[in-house]
Amino acid sequence: MPKTKPQTVTIDSNYKVEIEPYNHTLMRRNDNKKTGWDTMGYYSTMATALRAISRDNVLKGRDCDINEYAEGVLARASDLLCHKNP
């Protein structure tokens, strides 16, 4: 069976997910690398890949309460939607 090329879903200019038959590869832009991208991880679903982005963007390595987390996720989603649809 021939290997199929992964399908790419661009989240924004800093993140993309490459979808293959068995996993979703989350990548973050890194202009210092030859490929221009760092692999953040491999996930079984798009939802788990998006959760990883929320950890990277909202939590930024710190603890917070549920309200701060929800507000951060909503603010980031709003930023992405407004950026895509000005």
PDB file of N, CA and C in Angstrom:
ATOM      1  N   MET A   1       0.837  -1.180   0.000  1.00  0.00           N
ATOM      2  CA  MET A   1       0.000   0.000   0.000  1.00  0.00           C
ATOM      3  C   MET A   1       0.885   1.248   0.000  1.00  0.00           C
ATOM      4  N   PRO A   2       0.675   2.163  -0.955  1.00  0.00           N
ATOM      5  CA  PRO A   2       1.535   3.357  -1.020  1.00  0.00           C
ATOM      6  C   PRO A   2       1.280   4.301   0.142  1.00  0.00           C
ATOM      7  N   LYS A   3       2.364   4.953   0.544  1.00  0.00           N
ATOM      8  CA  LYS A   3       2.250   5.925   1.639  1.00  0.00           C
ATOM      9  C   LYS A   3       1.556   7.179   1.119  1.00  0.00           C
ATOM     10  N   THR A   4       0.560   7.651   1.875  1.00  0.00           N
ATOM     11  CA  THR A   4      -0.149   8.858   1.466  1.00  0.00           C
ATOM     12  C   THR A   4       0.481  10.075   2.122  1.00  0.00           C
ATOM     13  N   LYS A   5       0.410  11.188   1.426  1.00  0.00           N
ATOM     14  CA  LYS A   5       0.942  12.443   1.952  1.00  0.00           C
ATOM     15  C   LYS A   5       0.009  12.936   3.054  1.00  0.00           C
ATOM     16  N   PRO A   6       0.565  13.414   4.177  1.00  0.00           N
ATOM     17  CA  PRO A   6      -0.308  13.917   5.242  1.00  0.00           C
ATOM     18  C   PRO A   6      -1.095  15.143   4.775  1.00  0.00           C
ATOM     19  N   GLN A   7      -2.300  15.271   5.298  1.00  0.00           N
ATOM     20  CA  GLN A   7      -3.098  16.469   5.055  1.00  0.00           C
ATOM     21  C   GLN A   7      -2.744  17.473   6.147  1.00  0.00           C
ATOM     22  N   THR A   8      -2.632  18.741   5.779  1.00  0.00           N
ATOM     23  CA  THR A   8      -2.222  19.765   6.733  1.00  0.00           C
ATOM     24  C   THR A   8      -3.377  20.705   7.035  1.00  0.00           C
ATOM     25  N   VAL A   9      -3.619  20.907   8.333  1.00  0.00           N
ATOM     26  CA  VAL A   9      -4.593  21.887   8.795  1.00  0.00           C
ATOM     27  C   VAL A   9      -3.799  22.996   9.471  1.00  0.00           C
ATOM     28  N   THR A  10      -3.850  24.203   8.906  1.00  0.00           N
ATOM     29  CA  THR A  10      -3.146  25.345   9.473  1.00  0.00           C
ATOM     30  C   THR A  10      -4.028  25.976  10.545  1.00  0.00           C
ATOM     31  N   ILE A  11      -3.502  26.069  11.760  1.00  0.00           N
ATOM     32  CA  ILE A  11      -4.240  26.675  12.874  1.00  0.00           C
ATOM     33  C   ILE A  11      -4.069  28.194  12.805  1.00  0.00           C
ATOM     34  N   ASP A  12      -2.846  28.647  12.742  1.00  0.00           N
ATOM     35  CA  ASP A  12      -2.500  30.051  12.524  1.00  0.00           C
ATOM     36  C   ASP A  12      -1.072  30.064  12.006  1.00  0.00           C
ATOM     37  N   SER A  13      -0.437  31.216  11.980  1.00  0.00           N
ATOM     38  CA  SER A  13       0.910  31.272  11.413  1.00  0.00           C
ATOM     39  C   SER A  13       1.946  30.531  12.264  1.00  0.00           C
ATOM     40  N   ASN A  14       1.592  30.195  13.508  1.00  0.00           N
ATOM     41  CA  ASN A  14       2.540  29.519  14.392  1.00  0.00           C
ATOM     42  C   ASN A  14       2.283  28.036  14.606  1.00  0.00           C
ATOM     43  N   TYR A  15       1.110  27.542  14.254  1.00  0.00           N
ATOM     44  CA  TYR A  15       0.773  26.143  14.508  1.00  0.00           C
ATOM     45  C   TYR A  15       0.111  25.507  13.299  1.00  0.00           C
ATOM     46  N   LYS A  16       0.407  24.226  13.113  1.00  0.00           N
ATOM     47  CA  LYS A  16      -0.290  23.434  12.113  1.00  0.00           C
ATOM     48  C   LYS A  16      -0.372  21.997  12.616  1.00  0.00           C
ATOM     49  N   VAL A  17      -1.323  21.248  12.067  1.00  0.00           N
ATOM     50  CA  VAL A  17      -1.488  19.842  12.402  1.00  0.00           C
ATOM     51  C   VAL A  17      -1.443  19.055  11.100  1.00  0.00           C
ATOM     52  N   GLU A  18      -0.562  18.078  11.039  1.00  0.00           N
ATOM     53  CA  GLU A  18      -0.508  17.187   9.888  1.00  0.00           C
ATOM     54  C   GLU A  18      -1.266  15.924  10.254  1.00  0.00           C
ATOM     55  N   ILE A  19      -2.270  15.610   9.440  1.00  0.00           N
ATOM     56  CA  ILE A  19      -3.141  14.466   9.723  1.00  0.00           C
ATOM     57  C   ILE A  19      -2.732  13.300   8.835  1.00  0.00           C
ATOM     58  N   GLU A  20      -2.400  12.203   9.487  1.00  0.00           N
ATOM     59  CA  GLU A  20      -2.059  10.962   8.809  1.00  0.00           C
ATOM     60  C   GLU A  20      -3.068   9.907   9.240  1.00  0.00           C
ATOM     61  N   PRO A  21      -3.052   8.753   8.605  1.00  0.00           N
ATOM     62  CA  PRO A  21      -4.062   7.745   8.948  1.00  0.00           C
ATOM     63  C   PRO A  21      -4.108   7.362  10.437  1.00  0.00           C
ATOM     64  N   TYR A  22      -2.953   7.387  11.122  1.00  0.00           N
ATOM     65  CA  TYR A  22      -2.933   6.894  12.505  1.00  0.00           C
ATOM     66  C   TYR A  22      -2.631   7.937  13.566  1.00  0.00           C
ATOM     67  N   ASN A  23      -2.314   9.178  13.160  1.00  0.00           N
ATOM     68  CA  ASN A  23      -2.060  10.187  14.187  1.00  0.00           C
ATOM     69  C   ASN A  23      -2.193  11.599  13.622  1.00  0.00           C
ATOM     70  N   HIS A  24      -2.168  12.548  14.538  1.00  0.00           N
ATOM     71  CA  HIS A  24      -2.200  13.975  14.220  1.00  0.00           C
ATOM     72  C   HIS A  24      -0.907  14.555  14.795  1.00  0.00           C
ATOM     73  N   THR A  25      -0.065  15.092  13.946  1.00  0.00           N
ATOM     74  CA  THR A  25       1.222  15.642  14.374  1.00  0.00           C
ATOM     75  C   THR A  25       1.081  17.147  14.538  1.00  0.00           C
ATOM     76  N   LEU A  26       1.234  17.609  15.766  1.00  0.00           N
ATOM     77  CA  LEU A  26       1.148  19.040  16.064  1.00  0.00           C
ATOM     78  C   LEU A  26       2.524  19.653  15.902  1.00  0.00           C
ATOM     79  N   MET A  27       2.579  20.755  15.137  1.00  0.00           N
ATOM     80  CA  MET A  27       3.850  21.412  14.868  1.00  0.00           C
ATOM     81  C   MET A  27       3.754  22.904  15.181  1.00  0.00           C
ATOM     82  N   ARG A  28       4.871  23.447  15.695  1.00  0.00           N
ATOM     83  CA  ARG A  28       4.961  24.873  16.028  1.00  0.00           C
ATOM     84  C   ARG A  28       6.090  25.489  15.191  1.00  0.00           C
ATOM     85  N   ARG A  29       5.842  26.676  14.655  1.00  0.00           N
ATOM     86  CA  ARG A  29       6.847  27.349  13.825  1.00  0.00           C
ATOM     87  C   ARG A  29       8.124  27.594  14.614  1.00  0.00           C
ATOM     88  N   ASN A  30       9.245  27.318  13.953  1.00  0.00           N
ATOM     89  CA  ASN A  30      10.566  27.599  14.503  1.00  0.00           C
ATOM     90  C   ASN A  30      11.449  28.003  13.325  1.00  0.00           C
ATOM     91  N   ASP A  31      11.630  29.277  13.148  1.00  0.00           N
ATOM     92  CA  ASP A  31      12.388  29.778  12.005  1.00  0.00           C
ATOM     93  C   ASP A  31      13.873  29.438  12.070  1.00  0.00           C
ATOM     94  N   ASN A  32      14.336  28.948  13.216  1.00  0.00           N
ATOM     95  CA  ASN A  32      15.742  28.570  13.359  1.00  0.00           C
ATOM     96  C   ASN A  32      16.032  27.167  12.846  1.00  0.00           C
ATOM     97  N   LYS A  33      14.993  26.408  12.522  1.00  0.00           N
ATOM     98  CA  LYS A  33      15.186  25.049  12.010  1.00  0.00           C
ATOM     99  C   LYS A  33      15.117  25.053  10.493  1.00  0.00           C
ATOM    100  N   LYS A  34      15.796  24.101   9.893  1.00  0.00           N
ATOM    101  CA  LYS A  34      15.814  23.985   8.434  1.00  0.00           C
ATOM    102  C   LYS A  34      14.405  23.795   7.872  1.00  0.00           C
ATOM    103  N   THR A  35      13.592  22.999   8.557  1.00  0.00           N
ATOM    104  CA  THR A  35      12.223  22.745   8.094  1.00  0.00           C
ATOM    105  C   THR A  35      11.289  23.902   8.419  1.00  0.00           C
ATOM    106  N   GLY A  36      11.674  24.727   9.404  1.00  0.00           N
ATOM    107  CA  GLY A  36      10.819  25.828   9.833  1.00  0.00           C
ATOM    108  C   GLY A  36       9.797  25.431  10.882  1.00  0.00           C
ATOM    109  N   TRP A  37       9.798  24.151  11.295  1.00  0.00           N
ATOM    110  CA  TRP A  37       8.793  23.659  12.242  1.00  0.00           C
ATOM    111  C   TRP A  37       9.404  22.725  13.267  1.00  0.00           C
ATOM    112  N   ASP A  38       8.896  22.798  14.520  1.00  0.00           N
ATOM    113  CA  ASP A  38       9.208  21.843  15.592  1.00  0.00           C
ATOM    114  C   ASP A  38       7.997  20.948  15.787  1.00  0.00           C
ATOM    115  N   THR A  39       8.230  19.667  15.994  1.00  0.00           N
ATOM    116  CA  THR A  39       7.136  18.764  16.334  1.00  0.00           C
ATOM    117  C   THR A  39       6.870  18.875  17.825  1.00  0.00           C
ATOM    118  N   MET A  40       5.641  19.243  18.194  1.00  0.00           N
ATOM    119  CA  MET A  40       5.256  19.349  19.608  1.00  0.00           C
ATOM    120  C   MET A  40       4.788  18.016  20.157  1.00  0.00           C
ATOM    121  N   GLY A  41       4.235  17.168  19.288  1.00  0.00           N
ATOM    122  CA  GLY A  41       3.765  15.875  19.756  1.00  0.00           C
ATOM    123  C   GLY A  41       2.876  15.198  18.735  1.00  0.00           C
ATOM    124  N   TYR A  42       2.564  13.939  19.052  1.00  0.00           N
ATOM    125  CA  TYR A  42       1.700  13.121  18.212  1.00  0.00           C
ATOM    126  C   TYR A  42       0.438  12.804  19.005  1.00  0.00           C
ATOM    127  N   TYR A  43      -0.718  12.992  18.394  1.00  0.00           N
ATOM    128  CA  TYR A  43      -1.991  12.848  19.095  1.00  0.00           C
ATOM    129  C   TYR A  43      -2.933  11.981  18.273  1.00  0.00           C
ATOM    130  N   SER A  44      -3.833  11.310  18.954  1.00  0.00           N
ATOM    131  CA  SER A  44      -4.765  10.417  18.257  1.00  0.00           C
ATOM    132  C   SER A  44      -5.923  11.164  17.618  1.00  0.00           C
ATOM    133  N   THR A  45      -6.229  12.361  18.121  1.00  0.00           N
ATOM    134  CA  THR A  45      -7.348  13.140  17.571  1.00  0.00           C
ATOM    135  C   THR A  45      -6.951  14.610  17.464  1.00  0.00           C
ATOM    136  N   MET A  46      -7.707  15.348  16.674  1.00  0.00           N
ATOM    137  CA  MET A  46      -7.489  16.794  16.557  1.00  0.00           C
ATOM    138  C   MET A  46      -7.760  17.472  17.900  1.00  0.00           C
ATOM    139  N   ALA A  47      -8.751  16.976  18.629  1.00  0.00           N
ATOM    140  CA  ALA A  47      -9.101  17.576  19.920  1.00  0.00           C
ATOM    141  C   ALA A  47      -7.913  17.547  20.884  1.00  0.00           C
ATOM    142  N   THR A  48      -7.198  16.440  20.941  1.00  0.00           N
ATOM    143  CA  THR A  48      -6.061  16.364  21.862  1.00  0.00           C
ATOM    144  C   THR A  48      -4.916  17.256  21.387  1.00  0.00           C
ATOM    145  N   ALA A  49      -4.758  17.409  20.079  1.00  0.00           N
ATOM    146  CA  ALA A  49      -3.744  18.326  19.557  1.00  0.00           C
ATOM    147  C   ALA A  49      -4.098  19.776  19.926  1.00  0.00           C
ATOM    148  N   LEU A  50      -5.381  20.126  19.810  1.00  0.00           N
ATOM    149  CA  LEU A  50      -5.810  21.487  20.166  1.00  0.00           C
ATOM    150  C   LEU A  50      -5.665  21.747  21.660  1.00  0.00           C
ATOM    151  N   ARG A  51      -5.880  20.712  22.477  1.00  0.00           N
ATOM    152  CA  ARG A  51      -5.654  20.879  23.917  1.00  0.00           C
ATOM    153  C   ARG A  51      -4.200  21.207  24.200  1.00  0.00           C
ATOM    154  N   ALA A  52      -3.298  20.592  23.457  1.00  0.00           N
ATOM    155  CA  ALA A  52      -1.874  20.873  23.648  1.00  0.00           C
ATOM    156  C   ALA A  52      -1.561  22.329  23.301  1.00  0.00           C
ATOM    157  N   ILE A  53      -2.207  22.849  22.259  1.00  0.00           N
ATOM    158  CA  ILE A  53      -2.023  24.265  21.916  1.00  0.00           C
ATOM    159  C   ILE A  53      -2.530  25.139  23.049  1.00  0.00           C
ATOM    160  N   SER A  54      -3.658  24.767  23.648  1.00  0.00           N
ATOM    161  CA  SER A  54      -4.186  25.583  24.745  1.00  0.00           C
ATOM    162  C   SER A  54      -3.232  25.561  25.935  1.00  0.00           C
ATOM    163  N   ARG A  55      -2.606  24.431  26.204  1.00  0.00           N
ATOM    164  CA  ARG A  55      -1.621  24.381  27.290  1.00  0.00           C
ATOM    165  C   ARG A  55      -0.446  25.292  26.975  1.00  0.00           C
ATOM    166  N   ASP A  56      -0.025  25.283  25.723  1.00  0.00           N
ATOM    167  CA  ASP A  56       1.131  26.086  25.318  1.00  0.00           C
ATOM    168  C   ASP A  56       0.809  27.575  25.330  1.00  0.00           C
ATOM    169  N   ASN A  57      -0.393  27.951  24.926  1.00  0.00           N
ATOM    170  CA  ASN A  57      -0.773  29.363  24.796  1.00  0.00           C
ATOM    171  C   ASN A  57      -1.443  29.950  26.019  1.00  0.00           C
ATOM    172  N   VAL A  58      -2.242  29.161  26.712  1.00  0.00           N
ATOM    173  CA  VAL A  58      -3.028  29.692  27.826  1.00  0.00           C
ATOM    174  C   VAL A  58      -2.295  29.512  29.143  1.00  0.00           C
ATOM    175  N   LEU A  59      -1.837  28.315  29.423  1.00  0.00           N
ATOM    176  CA  LEU A  59      -1.201  28.060  30.710  1.00  0.00           C
ATOM    177  C   LEU A  59       0.236  28.577  30.761  1.00  0.00           C
ATOM    178  N   LYS A  60       0.965  28.447  29.674  1.00  0.00           N
ATOM    179  CA  LYS A  60       2.346  28.917  29.596  1.00  0.00           C
ATOM    180  C   LYS A  60       3.177  28.456  30.793  1.00  0.00           C
ATOM    181  N   GLY A  61       2.977  27.200  31.174  1.00  0.00           N
ATOM    182  CA  GLY A  61       3.766  26.608  32.247  1.00  0.00           C
ATOM    183  C   GLY A  61       3.344  26.984  33.653  1.00  0.00           C
ATOM    184  N   ARG A  62       2.224  27.672  33.816  1.00  0.00           N
ATOM    185  CA  ARG A  62       1.799  28.079  35.161  1.00  0.00           C
ATOM    186  C   ARG A  62       0.483  27.409  35.526  1.00  0.00           C
ATOM    187  N   ASP A  63       0.149  27.449  36.772  1.00  0.00           N
ATOM    188  CA  ASP A  63      -1.145  26.968  37.255  1.00  0.00           C
ATOM    189  C   ASP A  63      -2.137  28.118  37.255  1.00  0.00           C
ATOM    190  N   CYS A  64      -3.418  27.792  37.079  1.00  0.00           N
ATOM    191  CA  CYS A  64      -4.457  28.814  37.159  1.00  0.00           C
ATOM    192  C   CYS A  64      -5.767  28.144  37.563  1.00  0.00           C
ATOM    193  N   ASP A  65      -6.763  28.955  37.923  1.00  0.00           N
ATOM    194  CA  ASP A  65      -8.054  28.361  38.250  1.00  0.00           C
ATOM    195  C   ASP A  65      -8.869  28.191  36.971  1.00  0.00           C
ATOM    196  N   ILE A  66      -9.997  27.517  37.076  1.00  0.00           N
ATOM    197  CA  ILE A  66     -10.803  27.170  35.910  1.00  0.00           C
ATOM    198  C   ILE A  66     -11.304  28.411  35.169  1.00  0.00           C
ATOM    199  N   ASN A  67     -11.630  29.449  35.905  1.00  0.00           N
ATOM    200  CA  ASN A  67     -12.108  30.675  35.255  1.00  0.00           C
ATOM    201  C   ASN A  67     -11.012  31.333  34.418  1.00  0.00           C
ATOM    202  N   GLU A  68      -9.799  31.407  34.966  1.00  0.00           N
ATOM    203  CA  GLU A  68      -8.682  31.979  34.211  1.00  0.00           C
ATOM    204  C   GLU A  68      -8.408  31.152  32.958  1.00  0.00           C
ATOM    205  N   TYR A  69      -8.469  29.833  33.112  1.00  0.00           N
ATOM    206  CA  TYR A  69      -8.215  28.947  31.979  1.00  0.00           C
ATOM    207  C   TYR A  69      -9.268  29.147  30.894  1.00  0.00           C
ATOM    208  N   ALA A  70     -10.542  29.144  31.281  1.00  0.00           N
ATOM    209  CA  ALA A  70     -11.632  29.311  30.315  1.00  0.00           C
ATOM    210  C   ALA A  70     -11.533  30.674  29.626  1.00  0.00           C
ATOM    211  N   GLU A  71     -11.250  31.718  30.385  1.00  0.00           N
ATOM    212  CA  GLU A  71     -11.111  33.044  29.794  1.00  0.00           C
ATOM    213  C   GLU A  71      -9.942  33.091  28.815  1.00  0.00           C
ATOM    214  N   GLY A  72      -8.862  32.433  29.163  1.00  0.00           N
ATOM    215  CA  GLY A  72      -7.702  32.391  28.268  1.00  0.00           C
ATOM    216  C   GLY A  72      -7.995  31.648  26.983  1.00  0.00           C
ATOM    217  N   VAL A  73      -8.691  30.509  27.087  1.00  0.00           N
ATOM    218  CA  VAL A  73      -9.056  29.733  25.894  1.00  0.00           C
ATOM    219  C   VAL A  73      -9.980  30.549  25.003  1.00  0.00           C
ATOM    220  N   LEU A  74     -10.986  31.185  25.598  1.00  0.00           N
ATOM    221  CA  LEU A  74     -11.923  31.991  24.810  1.00  0.00           C
ATOM    222  C   LEU A  74     -11.223  33.196  24.159  1.00  0.00           C
ATOM    223  N   ALA A  75     -10.330  33.823  24.877  1.00  0.00           N
ATOM    224  CA  ALA A  75      -9.609  34.973  24.320  1.00  0.00           C
ATOM    225  C   ALA A  75      -8.730  34.534  23.150  1.00  0.00           C
ATOM    226  N   ARG A  76      -8.059  33.404  23.311  1.00  0.00           N
ATOM    227  CA  ARG A  76      -7.192  32.901  22.229  1.00  0.00           C
ATOM    228  C   ARG A  76      -8.034  32.496  21.020  1.00  0.00           C
ATOM    229  N   ALA A  77      -9.169  31.848  21.249  1.00  0.00           N
ATOM    230  CA  ALA A  77     -10.059  31.460  20.142  1.00  0.00           C
ATOM    231  C   ALA A  77     -10.571  32.704  19.431  1.00  0.00           C
ATOM    232  N   SER A  78     -10.918  33.708  20.187  1.00  0.00           N
ATOM    233  CA  SER A  78     -11.396  34.966  19.602  1.00  0.00           C
ATOM    234  C   SER A  78     -10.300  35.609  18.762  1.00  0.00           C
ATOM    235  N   ASP A  79      -9.073  35.601  19.267  1.00  0.00           N
ATOM    236  CA  ASP A  79      -7.947  36.150  18.507  1.00  0.00           C
ATOM    237  C   ASP A  79      -7.791  35.428  17.173  1.00  0.00           C
ATOM    238  N   LEU A  80      -7.884  34.107  17.212  1.00  0.00           N
ATOM    239  CA  LEU A  80      -7.720  33.319  15.984  1.00  0.00           C
ATOM    240  C   LEU A  80      -8.853  33.602  15.010  1.00  0.00           C
ATOM    241  N   LEU A  81     -10.088  33.652  15.516  1.00  0.00           N
ATOM    242  CA  LEU A  81     -11.232  33.887  14.629  1.00  0.00           C
ATOM    243  C   LEU A  81     -11.197  35.285  14.042  1.00  0.00           C
ATOM    244  N   CYS A  82     -10.854  36.272  14.839  1.00  0.00           N
ATOM    245  CA  CYS A  82     -10.797  37.647  14.342  1.00  0.00           C
ATOM    246  C   CYS A  82      -9.661  37.811  13.349  1.00  0.00           C
ATOM    247  N   HIS A  83      -8.558  37.092  13.562  1.00  0.00           N
ATOM    248  CA  HIS A  83      -7.429  37.154  12.654  1.00  0.00           C
ATOM    249  C   HIS A  83      -7.794  36.542  11.299  1.00  0.00           C
ATOM    250  N   LYS A  84      -8.563  35.462  11.325  1.00  0.00           N
ATOM    251  CA  LYS A  84      -8.947  34.785  10.086  1.00  0.00           C
ATOM    252  C   LYS A  84     -10.042  35.534   9.358  1.00  0.00           C
ATOM    253  N   ASN A  85     -10.945  36.199  10.099  1.00  0.00           N
ATOM    254  CA  ASN A  85     -12.088  36.879   9.508  1.00  0.00           C
ATOM    255  C   ASN A  85     -12.168  38.331   9.980  1.00  0.00           C
ATOM    256  N   PRO A  86     -11.277  39.194   9.492  1.00  0.00           N
ATOM    257  CA  PRO A  86     -11.267  40.583   9.994  1.00  0.00           C
ATOM    258  C   PRO A  86     -12.539  41.336   9.620  1.00  0.00           C
TER     259      PRO A  86
END
